[in-house]
Amino acid sequence: MLNKYARAFFTRVLTPFAAFLLRRGVSPDAVTLIGTAGVVAGALVFFPRGEFFWGTITITLFVFSDLVDGNMARQAGVSSRWGAFLDSTLDRVADAAIFGGLALWYAGSGNDNVLCAVAIFCLASGQVVSYTKARGESIGLPVAVNGLIERAERLVISLVAAGLSGLETFGVPSWIGVLLPIALWVVAAGSLVTLIQRVVTVRREAAEADAAAVTDTVTDTVTDTAADTATGTAASSADAPSEGGAA
């Protein structure tokens, strides 16, 4: 849902900035690399120390590079398979850094092994959710389902909760810190539901594709057999002597 509407909105907003970078000779790939580096640094420098507010601010500033680089490629007319591959691959790196940073906090000063495990599950399930769609499409299936929680939802829920939880260091009542654990549980549950949705969809589409392939094979076989029979009959008729033939 967020992927569909929020991406379109921010793409329009960031179009002038993308055009500015192109005029300065910056390449889309450079923006992708810098954006990912910024997200990774923000997540792994601030989150393990419990500095959720500043970590979230840093990550948010760089995470928009995911929209800017594609916008630049389209404006410059240089969209390519390599650019799409690089962008998708580094998205996985950024996601791993965010949830990895949260897991490091709970494994250390956060002192909560359960939430550490939940953060690791969010990391792993997010990677697998993306893989299921990519793998399904690679074997020729449409994978016509988005699922409950995609990457955009995972990031928004987690980062908003982390940023708000970080306000505790500015004197906001300590109860606000409960938002991050709640968000991690929501993302974990939603990712599991999304994974199940995609697996079920791929299974159904694969069964339909296999059934269609069998049907096509049977139809082709029947057609070929009928054609061979007709050819054989015609040949037999041609070889048989006519009634008025010589005695």
Protein backbone atom coordinates (compact mmCIF):
# COMPACT_ATOMS: atom_id res chain seq x y z
CA MET A 1 0.00 0.00 0.00
CA LEU A 2 2.68 2.50 1.03
CA ASN A 3 4.82 1.38 -1.90
CA LYS A 4 2.02 2.32 -4.29
CA TYR A 5 0.95 5.71 -2.96
CA ALA A 6 3.82 7.10 -0.87
CA ARG A 7 6.42 6.26 -3.51
CA ALA A 8 4.45 8.14 -6.18
CA PHE A 9 4.08 11.19 -3.91
CA PHE A 10 7.72 11.39 -2.85
CA THR A 11 8.90 10.73 -6.39
CA ARG A 12 7.09 13.89 -7.52
CA VAL A 13 8.47 15.86 -4.57
CA LEU A 14 12.06 14.71 -5.16
CA THR A 15 12.06 15.17 -8.94
CA PRO A 16 13.61 18.69 -8.81
CA PHE A 17 16.36 17.45 -6.47
CA ALA A 18 17.07 14.52 -8.80
CA ALA A 19 17.33 16.93 -11.72
CA PHE A 20 19.72 19.13 -9.71
CA LEU A 21 22.04 16.18 -9.02
CA LEU A 22 22.05 15.24 -12.70
CA ARG A 23 23.06 18.78 -13.65
CA ARG A 24 25.98 18.46 -11.22
CA GLY A 25 27.15 15.29 -12.92
CA VAL A 26 26.16 12.88 -10.14
CA SER A 27 25.27 9.38 -11.36
CA PRO A 28 22.29 7.35 -10.10
CA ASP A 29 24.62 4.54 -8.99
CA ALA A 30 26.61 6.98 -6.86
CA VAL A 31 23.41 8.09 -5.12
CA THR A 32 22.48 4.46 -4.49
CA LEU A 33 25.88 3.71 -2.93
CA ILE A 34 26.00 6.88 -0.82
CA GLY A 35 22.43 6.40 0.38
CA THR A 36 23.08 2.83 1.46
CA ALA A 37 26.31 3.81 3.20
CA GLY A 38 24.44 6.53 5.11
CA VAL A 39 21.67 4.16 6.20
CA VAL A 40 24.17 1.51 7.33
CA ALA A 41 26.23 4.07 9.25
CA GLY A 42 23.17 5.58 10.93
CA ALA A 43 21.85 2.18 11.94
CA LEU A 44 25.08 0.62 13.17
CA VAL A 45 26.52 3.70 14.86
CA PHE A 46 23.45 5.01 16.70
CA PHE A 47 21.07 2.09 17.26
CA PRO A 48 23.45 -0.22 19.18
CA ARG A 49 24.04 2.64 21.63
CA GLY A 50 20.33 3.28 22.14
CA GLU A 51 20.41 6.64 20.35
CA PHE A 52 17.24 5.90 18.42
CA PHE A 53 16.20 9.47 17.67
CA TRP A 54 19.42 10.53 15.96
CA GLY A 55 19.76 7.15 14.31
CA THR A 56 16.30 7.50 12.83
CA ILE A 57 16.98 11.04 11.62
CA THR A 58 20.20 9.93 9.91
CA ILE A 59 18.59 6.89 8.31
CA THR A 60 15.58 8.87 7.11
CA LEU A 61 17.79 11.45 5.42
CA PHE A 62 19.57 8.77 3.43
CA VAL A 63 16.74 6.31 2.84
CA PHE A 64 15.15 8.66 0.29
CA SER A 65 18.08 7.91 -2.00
CA ASP A 66 16.09 4.82 -2.97
CA LEU A 67 13.62 7.15 -4.68
CA VAL A 68 16.11 9.69 -5.96
CA ASP A 69 18.37 7.26 -7.86
CA GLY A 70 15.50 5.72 -9.84
CA ASN A 71 14.12 9.17 -10.60
CA MET A 72 17.53 10.27 -11.87
CA ALA A 73 17.87 7.19 -14.07
CA ARG A 74 14.47 7.83 -15.67
CA GLN A 75 15.18 11.52 -16.26
CA ALA A 76 18.56 10.74 -17.80
CA GLY A 77 17.18 7.84 -19.82
CA VAL A 78 19.81 5.47 -18.42
CA SER A 79 17.63 2.93 -16.63
CA SER A 80 19.34 -0.45 -16.81
CA ARG A 81 19.21 -3.98 -15.49
CA TRP A 82 22.44 -3.32 -13.60
CA GLY A 83 20.97 -0.27 -11.87
CA ALA A 84 17.87 -2.22 -10.85
CA PHE A 85 20.03 -5.10 -9.56
CA LEU A 86 22.32 -2.78 -7.59
CA ASP A 87 19.39 -0.90 -6.06
CA SER A 88 17.57 -4.07 -5.02
CA THR A 89 20.70 -5.67 -3.58
CA LEU A 90 21.69 -2.63 -1.52
CA ASP A 91 18.11 -2.31 -0.23
CA ARG A 92 18.63 -5.70 1.43
CA VAL A 93 21.92 -4.48 2.93
CA ALA A 94 20.23 -1.37 4.37
CA ASP A 95 17.36 -3.38 5.86
CA ALA A 96 19.79 -5.81 7.45
CA ALA A 97 21.73 -2.93 9.02
CA ILE A 98 18.58 -1.37 10.53
CA PHE A 99 17.28 -4.50 12.20
CA GLY A 100 20.80 -5.67 12.95
CA GLY A 101 21.45 -2.42 14.82
CA LEU A 102 18.28 -2.91 16.87
CA ALA A 103 19.25 -6.52 17.60
CA LEU A 104 22.68 -5.36 18.81
CA TRP A 105 21.02 -2.91 21.21
CA TYR A 106 18.79 -5.54 22.76
CA ALA A 107 21.65 -8.04 22.90
CA GLY A 108 23.78 -5.49 24.74
CA SER A 109 22.67 -2.50 26.79
CA GLY A 110 18.99 -3.12 26.01
CA ASN A 111 19.33 -6.45 27.84
CA ASP A 112 16.35 -8.18 26.28
CA ASN A 113 17.08 -11.46 24.52
CA VAL A 114 13.46 -11.91 23.41
CA LEU A 115 13.38 -8.58 21.58
CA CYS A 116 16.83 -9.32 20.18
CA ALA A 117 15.38 -12.50 18.69
CA VAL A 118 12.35 -10.60 17.37
CA ALA A 119 14.62 -8.04 15.68
CA ILE A 120 16.64 -10.85 14.09
CA PHE A 121 13.40 -12.47 12.91
CA CYS A 122 12.35 -9.13 11.34
CA LEU A 123 15.71 -9.02 9.56
CA ALA A 124 15.51 -12.58 8.27
CA SER A 125 11.83 -12.56 7.35
CA GLY A 126 12.23 -9.31 5.43
CA GLN A 127 14.98 -10.87 3.33
CA VAL A 128 12.93 -14.02 2.69
CA VAL A 129 9.78 -12.05 1.80
CA SER A 130 11.75 -10.23 -0.88
CA TYR A 131 13.36 -13.47 -2.07
CA THR A 132 10.05 -15.29 -2.51
CA LYS A 133 8.82 -12.69 -4.97
CA ALA A 134 12.11 -12.49 -6.84
CA ARG A 135 12.42 -16.27 -7.03
CA GLY A 136 8.81 -16.73 -8.11
CA GLU A 137 9.23 -14.19 -10.90
CA SER A 138 12.49 -15.81 -11.98
CA ILE A 139 10.66 -19.08 -12.75
CA GLY A 140 8.06 -17.26 -14.81
CA LEU A 141 5.28 -16.71 -12.28
CA PRO A 142 3.58 -13.32 -11.79
CA VAL A 143 3.46 -13.60 -7.96
CA ALA A 144 0.32 -11.46 -8.06
CA VAL A 145 0.21 -10.51 -4.38
CA ASN A 146 1.87 -7.77 -2.37
CA GLY A 147 1.14 -8.97 1.13
CA LEU A 148 0.34 -7.32 4.43
CA ILE A 149 3.72 -5.75 5.16
CA GLU A 150 6.24 -4.99 2.43
CA ARG A 151 9.55 -3.15 2.71
CA ALA A 152 8.00 0.32 2.90
CA GLU A 153 5.70 -0.70 5.76
CA ARG A 154 8.55 -2.43 7.60
CA LEU A 155 10.71 0.67 7.44
CA VAL A 156 8.01 3.19 8.31
CA ILE A 157 6.67 1.24 11.29
CA SER A 158 10.14 0.49 12.66
CA LEU A 159 11.70 3.90 12.11
CA VAL A 160 8.74 5.93 13.36
CA ALA A 161 8.60 3.81 16.53
CA ALA A 162 12.37 4.02 17.00
CA GLY A 163 12.40 7.78 16.52
CA LEU A 164 9.57 8.31 18.98
CA SER A 165 11.18 5.97 21.50
CA GLY A 166 14.35 8.04 21.21
CA LEU A 167 12.49 11.11 22.45
CA GLU A 168 12.80 9.65 25.93
CA THR A 169 16.30 11.15 26.10
CA PHE A 170 14.74 14.60 25.63
CA GLY A 171 12.54 14.32 28.71
CA VAL A 172 9.47 12.67 27.16
CA PRO A 173 7.86 10.23 29.66
CA SER A 174 9.52 6.81 29.64
CA TRP A 175 6.34 5.02 28.55
CA ILE A 176 7.06 6.12 24.98
CA GLY A 177 9.90 3.60 24.91
CA VAL A 178 7.36 0.79 24.65
CA LEU A 179 6.54 1.83 21.07
CA LEU A 180 9.65 0.21 19.62
CA PRO A 181 9.03 -3.27 21.09
CA ILE A 182 5.40 -3.08 19.92
CA ALA A 183 6.55 -2.07 16.43
CA LEU A 184 9.02 -4.96 16.24
CA TRP A 185 6.33 -7.46 17.19
CA VAL A 186 3.96 -5.95 14.62
CA VAL A 187 6.59 -6.08 11.87
CA ALA A 188 7.53 -9.66 12.80
CA ALA A 189 3.92 -10.83 12.73
CA GLY A 190 3.12 -8.90 9.56
CA SER A 191 6.22 -10.23 7.80
CA LEU A 192 5.24 -13.79 8.71
CA VAL A 193 1.74 -13.24 7.31
CA THR A 194 3.20 -11.70 4.14
CA LEU A 195 5.59 -14.61 3.72
CA ILE A 196 2.72 -17.09 4.01
CA GLN A 197 0.64 -15.07 1.53
CA ARG A 198 3.43 -15.12 -1.04
CA VAL A 199 4.26 -18.79 -0.58
CA VAL A 200 0.58 -19.74 -0.96
CA THR A 201 0.29 -17.53 -4.06
CA VAL A 202 3.40 -19.02 -5.67
CA ARG A 203 2.16 -22.54 -4.92
CA ARG A 204 -1.21 -21.79 -6.53
CA GLU A 205 0.32 -20.07 -9.57
CA ALA A 206 2.85 -22.89 -10.00
CA ALA A 207 0.08 -25.51 -9.89
CA GLU A 208 -1.95 -23.55 -12.45
CA ALA A 209 1.08 -23.12 -14.70
CA ASP A 210 1.96 -26.83 -14.48
CA ALA A 211 -1.64 -27.82 -15.20
CA ALA A 212 -1.73 -25.49 -18.20
CA ALA A 213 1.55 -26.94 -19.47
CA VAL A 214 0.16 -30.49 -19.20
CA THR A 215 -3.01 -29.43 -21.00
CA ASP A 216 -1.00 -27.82 -23.79
CA THR A 217 1.14 -30.95 -24.10
CA VAL A 218 -1.92 -33.21 -24.32
CA THR A 219 -3.55 -30.87 -26.84
CA ASP A 220 -0.39 -30.79 -28.96
CA THR A 221 -0.12 -34.57 -28.80
CA VAL A 222 -3.74 -35.07 -29.85
CA THR A 223 -3.33 -32.55 -32.66
CA ASP A 224 -0.13 -34.18 -33.88
CA THR A 225 -1.74 -37.64 -33.71
CA ALA A 226 -4.78 -36.46 -35.65
CA ALA A 227 -2.54 -34.82 -38.23
CA ASP A 228 -0.44 -37.98 -38.58
CA THR A 229 -3.58 -40.10 -38.93
CA ALA A 230 -4.99 -37.80 -41.58
CA THR A 231 -1.68 -37.87 -43.44
CA GLY A 232 -1.54 -41.66 -43.25
CA THR A 233 -5.09 -42.02 -44.50
CA ALA A 234 -4.45 -39.70 -47.40
CA ALA A 235 -1.32 -41.61 -48.30
CA SER A 236 -3.18 -44.96 -48.19
CA SER A 237 -5.90 -43.61 -50.43
CA ALA A 238 -3.36 -42.39 -52.91
CA ASP A 239 -1.58 -45.77 -53.03
CA ALA A 240 -4.78 -47.90 -53.38
CA PRO A 241 -5.75 -48.87 -57.03
CA SER A 242 -8.77 -47.15 -58.39
CA GLU A 243 -11.86 -49.10 -59.46
CA GLY A 244 -11.22 -48.26 -63.05
CA GLY A 245 -7.59 -49.33 -62.99
CA ALA A 246 -5.95 -51.71 -65.44
CA ALA A 247 -6.66 -55.45 -65.02
